[in-house]
PDB file of N, CA and C in Angstrom:
ATOM      1  N   MET A   1      -6.082  -0.889 -11.146  1.00  0.00           N
ATOM      2  CA  MET A   1      -5.029  -1.733 -10.275  1.00  0.00           C
ATOM      3  C   MET A   1      -4.263  -0.472  -9.220  1.00  0.00           C
ATOM      4  N   ILE A   2      -4.148  -0.893  -8.292  1.00  0.00           N
ATOM      5  CA  ILE A   2      -3.356   0.039  -7.221  1.00  0.00           C
ATOM      6  C   ILE A   2      -1.938  -0.127  -7.068  1.00  0.00           C
ATOM      7  N   THR A   3      -1.224   1.018  -7.234  1.00  0.00           N
ATOM      8  CA  THR A   3       0.157   0.681  -7.161  1.00  0.00           C
ATOM      9  C   THR A   3       0.583   1.498  -5.983  1.00  0.00           C
ATOM     10  N   LYS A   4       2.063   1.005  -5.642  1.00  0.00           N
ATOM     11  CA  LYS A   4       2.546   1.382  -4.449  1.00  0.00           C
ATOM     12  C   LYS A   4       2.983   2.977  -4.185  1.00  0.00           C
ATOM     13  N   ASP A   5       3.040   3.532  -5.272  1.00  0.00           N
ATOM     14  CA  ASP A   5       3.452   5.070  -5.670  1.00  0.00           C
ATOM     15  C   ASP A   5       2.147   5.876  -5.397  1.00  0.00           C
ATOM     16  N   MET A   6       0.925   5.279  -5.387  1.00  0.00           N
ATOM     17  CA  MET A   6      -0.341   6.120  -5.095  1.00  0.00           C
ATOM     18  C   MET A   6      -0.547   6.649  -3.852  1.00  0.00           C
ATOM     19  N   GLY A   7      -1.222   7.726  -3.708  1.00  0.00           N
ATOM     20  CA  GLY A   7      -1.199   8.228  -2.524  1.00  0.00           C
ATOM     21  C   GLY A   7      -2.244   7.441  -1.534  1.00  0.00           C
ATOM     22  N   ILE A   8      -2.026   7.440  -0.302  1.00  0.00           N
ATOM     23  CA  ILE A   8      -3.070   6.458   0.549  1.00  0.00           C
ATOM     24  C   ILE A   8      -4.384   7.192   0.577  1.00  0.00           C
ATOM     25  N   MET A   9      -4.684   8.444   0.884  1.00  0.00           N
ATOM     26  CA  MET A   9      -5.969   9.102   0.841  1.00  0.00           C
ATOM     27  C   MET A   9      -6.678   9.070  -0.469  1.00  0.00           C
ATOM     28  N   GLU A  10      -5.675   9.039  -1.625  1.00  0.00           N
ATOM     29  CA  GLU A  10      -6.258   8.848  -3.120  1.00  0.00           C
ATOM     30  C   GLU A  10      -6.859   7.670  -3.113  1.00  0.00           C
ATOM     31  N   VAL A  11      -6.300   6.482  -2.651  1.00  0.00           N
ATOM     32  CA  VAL A  11      -7.016   5.185  -3.046  1.00  0.00           C
ATOM     33  C   VAL A  11      -8.189   5.047  -1.925  1.00  0.00           C
ATOM     34  N   VAL A  12      -8.008   5.499  -0.710  1.00  0.00           N
ATOM     35  CA  VAL A  12      -9.118   5.544   0.203  1.00  0.00           C
ATOM     36  C   VAL A  12     -10.357   5.950  -0.148  1.00  0.00           C
ATOM     37  N   GLU A  13     -10.177   7.394  -0.800  1.00  0.00           N
ATOM     38  CA  GLU A  13     -11.376   8.083  -1.215  1.00  0.00           C
ATOM     39  C   GLU A  13     -11.968   7.352  -2.317  1.00  0.00           C
ATOM     40  N   GLN A  14     -11.193   6.786  -3.299  1.00  0.00           N
ATOM     41  CA  GLN A  14     -11.932   5.922  -4.408  1.00  0.00           C
ATOM     42  C   GLN A  14     -12.351   4.660  -3.926  1.00  0.00           C
ATOM     43  N   TYR A  15     -11.593   3.838  -3.271  1.00  0.00           N
ATOM     44  CA  TYR A  15     -12.257   2.734  -2.525  1.00  0.00           C
ATOM     45  C   TYR A  15     -12.226   2.677  -1.320  1.00  0.00           C
ATOM     46  N   PRO A  16     -13.189   3.100  -0.592  1.00  0.00           N
ATOM     47  CA  PRO A  16     -13.222   3.135   0.753  1.00  0.00           C
ATOM     48  C   PRO A  16     -13.406   1.734   1.680  1.00  0.00           C
ATOM     49  N   GLN A  17     -13.662   0.790   0.994  1.00  0.00           N
ATOM     50  CA  GLN A  17     -13.436  -0.641   1.628  1.00  0.00           C
ATOM     51  C   GLN A  17     -12.030  -0.919   1.672  1.00  0.00           C
ATOM     52  N   LEU A  18     -11.118  -0.100   1.334  1.00  0.00           N
ATOM     53  CA  LEU A  18      -9.699  -0.411   1.651  1.00  0.00           C
ATOM     54  C   LEU A  18      -9.263   0.042   3.225  1.00  0.00           C
ATOM     55  N   ILE A  19     -10.102   0.814   3.590  1.00  0.00           N
ATOM     56  CA  ILE A  19      -9.595   1.208   5.223  1.00  0.00           C
ATOM     57  C   ILE A  19      -9.489  -0.065   6.020  1.00  0.00           C
ATOM     58  N   GLU A  20     -10.287  -0.837   5.878  1.00  0.00           N
ATOM     59  CA  GLU A  20     -10.244  -2.193   6.515  1.00  0.00           C
ATOM     60  C   GLU A  20      -8.950  -2.997   6.235  1.00  0.00           C
ATOM     61  N   VAL A  21      -8.483  -2.954   5.121  1.00  0.00           N
ATOM     62  CA  VAL A  21      -7.083  -3.498   4.646  1.00  0.00           C
ATOM     63  C   VAL A  21      -6.108  -2.941   5.303  1.00  0.00           C
ATOM     64  N   PHE A  22      -6.046  -1.679   5.289  1.00  0.00           N
ATOM     65  CA  PHE A  22      -5.192  -0.715   6.060  1.00  0.00           C
ATOM     66  C   PHE A  22      -4.995  -1.255   7.538  1.00  0.00           C
ATOM     67  N   ARG A  23      -6.308  -1.211   8.004  1.00  0.00           N
ATOM     68  CA  ARG A  23      -6.305  -1.477   9.718  1.00  0.00           C
ATOM     69  C   ARG A  23      -5.555  -3.058   9.718  1.00  0.00           C
ATOM     70  N   ASN A  24      -6.003  -3.979   8.983  1.00  0.00           N
ATOM     71  CA  ASN A  24      -5.614  -5.388   9.161  1.00  0.00           C
ATOM     72  C   ASN A  24      -4.100  -5.233   8.963  1.00  0.00           C
ATOM     73  N   PHE A  25      -3.443  -4.397   8.590  1.00  0.00           N
ATOM     74  CA  PHE A  25      -1.868  -4.210   8.565  1.00  0.00           C
ATOM     75  C   PHE A  25      -1.442  -3.300   9.588  1.00  0.00           C
ATOM     76  N   ASP A  26      -2.305  -2.908  10.548  1.00  0.00           N
ATOM     77  CA  ASP A  26      -1.948  -2.008  11.663  1.00  0.00           C
ATOM     78  C   ASP A  26      -1.683  -0.587  11.170  1.00  0.00           C
ATOM     79  N   MET A  27      -2.166  -0.328  10.059  1.00  0.00           N
ATOM     80  CA  MET A  27      -1.991   1.064   9.559  1.00  0.00           C
ATOM     81  C   MET A  27      -3.396   1.819   9.657  1.00  0.00           C
ATOM     82  N   GLY A  28      -3.336   2.740  10.697  1.00  0.00           N
ATOM     83  CA  GLY A  28      -4.507   3.364  10.954  1.00  0.00           C
ATOM     84  C   GLY A  28      -4.395   4.708  10.031  1.00  0.00           C
ATOM     85  N   CYS A  29      -4.244   4.622   8.705  1.00  0.00           N
ATOM     86  CA  CYS A  29      -3.978   5.524   7.802  1.00  0.00           C
ATOM     87  C   CYS A  29      -4.945   6.686   7.772  1.00  0.00           C
ATOM     88  N   VAL A  30      -6.270   6.406   7.934  1.00  0.00           N
ATOM     89  CA  VAL A  30      -7.408   7.361   7.768  1.00  0.00           C
ATOM     90  C   VAL A  30      -7.396   8.326   8.643  1.00  0.00           C
ATOM     91  N   GLY A  31      -7.065   8.084   9.963  1.00  0.00           N
ATOM     92  CA  GLY A  31      -6.842   9.214  11.035  1.00  0.00           C
ATOM     93  C   GLY A  31      -5.429   9.694  11.060  1.00  0.00           C
ATOM     94  N   CYS A  32      -4.665   9.570  10.087  1.00  0.00           N
ATOM     95  CA  CYS A  32      -3.222   9.979  10.180  1.00  0.00           C
ATOM     96  C   CYS A  32      -2.961  11.346   9.208  1.00  0.00           C
ATOM     97  N   LEU A  33      -2.660  12.251   9.782  1.00  0.00           N
ATOM     98  CA  LEU A  33      -2.342  13.404   9.003  1.00  0.00           C
ATOM     99  C   LEU A  33      -1.364  13.163   7.742  1.00  0.00           C
ATOM    100  N   ALA A  34      -0.532  12.349   8.075  1.00  0.00           N
ATOM    101  CA  ALA A  34       0.689  11.821   7.013  1.00  0.00           C
ATOM    102  C   ALA A  34       0.081  11.290   5.791  1.00  0.00           C
ATOM    103  N   ALA A  35      -1.124  10.639   6.122  1.00  0.00           N
ATOM    104  CA  ALA A  35      -1.874  10.038   4.931  1.00  0.00           C
ATOM    105  C   ALA A  35      -2.080  10.850   3.919  1.00  0.00           C
ATOM    106  N   HIS A  36      -2.417  12.081   3.914  1.00  0.00           N
ATOM    107  CA  HIS A  36      -2.766  13.142   2.996  1.00  0.00           C
ATOM    108  C   HIS A  36      -1.610  13.363   2.042  1.00  0.00           C
ATOM    109  N   TYR A  37      -0.507  12.988   2.258  1.00  0.00           N
ATOM    110  CA  TYR A  37       0.617  13.404   1.397  1.00  0.00           C
ATOM    111  C   TYR A  37       1.702  12.303   1.185  1.00  0.00           C
ATOM    112  N   GLU A  38       1.325  11.156   1.980  1.00  0.00           N
ATOM    113  CA  GLU A  38       2.241  10.008   1.816  1.00  0.00           C
ATOM    114  C   GLU A  38       1.700   8.918   0.883  1.00  0.00           C
ATOM    115  N   SER A  39       2.793   8.245   0.167  1.00  0.00           N
ATOM    116  CA  SER A  39       2.362   7.141  -0.961  1.00  0.00           C
ATOM    117  C   SER A  39       1.903   6.053  -0.128  1.00  0.00           C
ATOM    118  N   ILE A  40       1.550   4.876  -0.587  1.00  0.00           N
ATOM    119  CA  ILE A  40       1.454   3.685   0.095  1.00  0.00           C
ATOM    120  C   ILE A  40       2.624   3.048   0.352  1.00  0.00           C
ATOM    121  N   GLU A  41       3.697   3.065  -0.344  1.00  0.00           N
ATOM    122  CA  GLU A  41       5.058   2.614  -0.013  1.00  0.00           C
ATOM    123  C   GLU A  41       5.601   3.213   1.167  1.00  0.00           C
ATOM    124  N   GLU A  42       5.541   4.655   1.152  1.00  0.00           N
ATOM    125  CA  GLU A  42       6.255   5.492   2.268  1.00  0.00           C
ATOM    126  C   GLU A  42       5.414   5.058   3.438  1.00  0.00           C
ATOM    127  N   GLY A  43       3.908   5.146   3.442  1.00  0.00           N
ATOM    128  CA  GLY A  43       3.285   4.750   4.882  1.00  0.00           C
ATOM    129  C   GLY A  43       3.545   3.413   5.236  1.00  0.00           C
ATOM    130  N   ALA A  44       3.847   2.333   4.343  1.00  0.00           N
ATOM    131  CA  ALA A  44       4.216   1.042   4.737  1.00  0.00           C
ATOM    132  C   ALA A  44       5.505   0.890   5.200  1.00  0.00           C
ATOM    133  N   SER A  45       6.473   1.503   4.811  1.00  0.00           N
ATOM    134  CA  SER A  45       7.801   1.707   5.445  1.00  0.00           C
ATOM    135  C   SER A  45       7.734   2.363   6.740  1.00  0.00           C
ATOM    136  N   ALA A  46       7.152   3.354   6.946  1.00  0.00           N
ATOM    137  CA  ALA A  46       6.672   3.948   8.113  1.00  0.00           C
ATOM    138  C   ALA A  46       6.367   3.038   9.213  1.00  0.00           C
ATOM    139  N   HIS A  47       5.566   2.415   8.759  1.00  0.00           N
ATOM    140  CA  HIS A  47       5.056   1.371   9.740  1.00  0.00           C
ATOM    141  C   HIS A  47       5.580  -0.116   9.662  1.00  0.00           C
ATOM    142  N   GLU A  48       6.638   0.029   8.962  1.00  0.00           N
ATOM    143  CA  GLU A  48       7.558  -1.286   8.925  1.00  0.00           C
ATOM    144  C   GLU A  48       6.558  -2.545   8.419  1.00  0.00           C
ATOM    145  N   VAL A  49       5.566  -2.325   7.598  1.00  0.00           N
ATOM    146  CA  VAL A  49       4.594  -3.136   6.933  1.00  0.00           C
ATOM    147  C   VAL A  49       5.321  -3.672   5.610  1.00  0.00           C
ATOM    148  N   ASN A  50       5.338  -5.102   5.124  1.00  0.00           N
ATOM    149  CA  ASN A  50       5.706  -5.608   3.907  1.00  0.00           C
ATOM    150  C   ASN A  50       4.770  -5.053   3.014  1.00  0.00           C
ATOM    151  N   VAL A  51       5.479  -4.069   1.769  1.00  0.00           N
ATOM    152  CA  VAL A  51       4.608  -3.446   1.101  1.00  0.00           C
ATOM    153  C   VAL A  51       4.189  -4.293   0.016  1.00  0.00           C
ATOM    154  N   ASP A  52       4.911  -5.341  -0.393  1.00  0.00           N
ATOM    155  CA  ASP A  52       4.404  -6.406  -1.419  1.00  0.00           C
ATOM    156  C   ASP A  52       3.165  -7.058  -0.839  1.00  0.00           C
ATOM    157  N   ALA A  53       3.038  -7.496   0.307  1.00  0.00           N
ATOM    158  CA  ALA A  53       1.911  -8.336   1.035  1.00  0.00           C
ATOM    159  C   ALA A  53       0.773  -7.168   1.149  1.00  0.00           C
ATOM    160  N   LEU A  54       0.909  -5.941   1.290  1.00  0.00           N
ATOM    161  CA  LEU A  54      -0.020  -4.851   1.486  1.00  0.00           C
ATOM    162  C   LEU A  54      -0.523  -4.713   0.262  1.00  0.00           C
ATOM    163  N   MET A  55       0.358  -4.640  -0.872  1.00  0.00           N
ATOM    164  CA  MET A  55      -0.269  -4.459  -2.325  1.00  0.00           C
ATOM    165  C   MET A  55      -1.242  -5.603  -2.785  1.00  0.00           C
ATOM    166  N   ILE A  56      -0.676  -6.787  -2.465  1.00  0.00           N
ATOM    167  CA  ILE A  56      -1.430  -7.948  -2.840  1.00  0.00           C
ATOM    168  C   ILE A  56      -3.179  -7.758  -2.340  1.00  0.00           C
ATOM    169  N   ALA A  57      -2.919  -7.464  -0.927  1.00  0.00           N
ATOM    170  CA  ALA A  57      -4.322  -7.441  -0.103  1.00  0.00           C
ATOM    171  C   ALA A  57      -5.164  -6.250  -0.587  1.00  0.00           C
ATOM    172  N   LEU A  58      -4.670  -5.058  -0.920  1.00  0.00           N
ATOM    173  CA  LEU A  58      -5.414  -4.013  -1.368  1.00  0.00           C
ATOM    174  C   LEU A  58      -6.014  -4.305  -2.707  1.00  0.00           C
ATOM    175  N   ASN A  59      -5.089  -4.709  -3.611  1.00  0.00           N
ATOM    176  CA  ASN A  59      -5.846  -4.975  -5.097  1.00  0.00           C
ATOM    177  C   ASN A  59      -6.771  -6.104  -4.870  1.00  0.00           C
ATOM    178  N   ALA A  60      -6.565  -7.172  -3.952  1.00  0.00           N
ATOM    179  CA  ALA A  60      -7.507  -8.188  -3.849  1.00  0.00           C
ATOM    180  C   ALA A  60      -8.951  -7.801  -3.242  1.00  0.00           C
ATOM    181  N   ALA A  61      -8.848  -6.582  -2.438  1.00  0.00           N
ATOM    182  CA  ALA A  61      -9.961  -5.870  -2.035  1.00  0.00           C
ATOM    183  C   ALA A  61     -10.846  -5.189  -3.035  1.00  0.00           C
ATOM    184  N   ILE A  62     -10.007  -4.945  -4.034  1.00  0.00           N
ATOM    185  CA  ILE A  62     -11.094  -4.228  -4.949  1.00  0.00           C
ATOM    186  C   ILE A  62     -11.469  -4.914  -6.347  1.00  0.00           C
TER     187      ILE A  62
END
């Protein structure tokens, strides 16, 4: 299970299919330098994304 405190790149490296989920939420995380040190929650907040909806989509994708 993916949690909002996990690092963005941590989950993308483990589950490459999640790149598409981040893109669907207008989060171009893979190309962003901040993704290497931001948690999912921090990235979602920076992009004004509903973190709860994002978490549901990420976990559904795995």
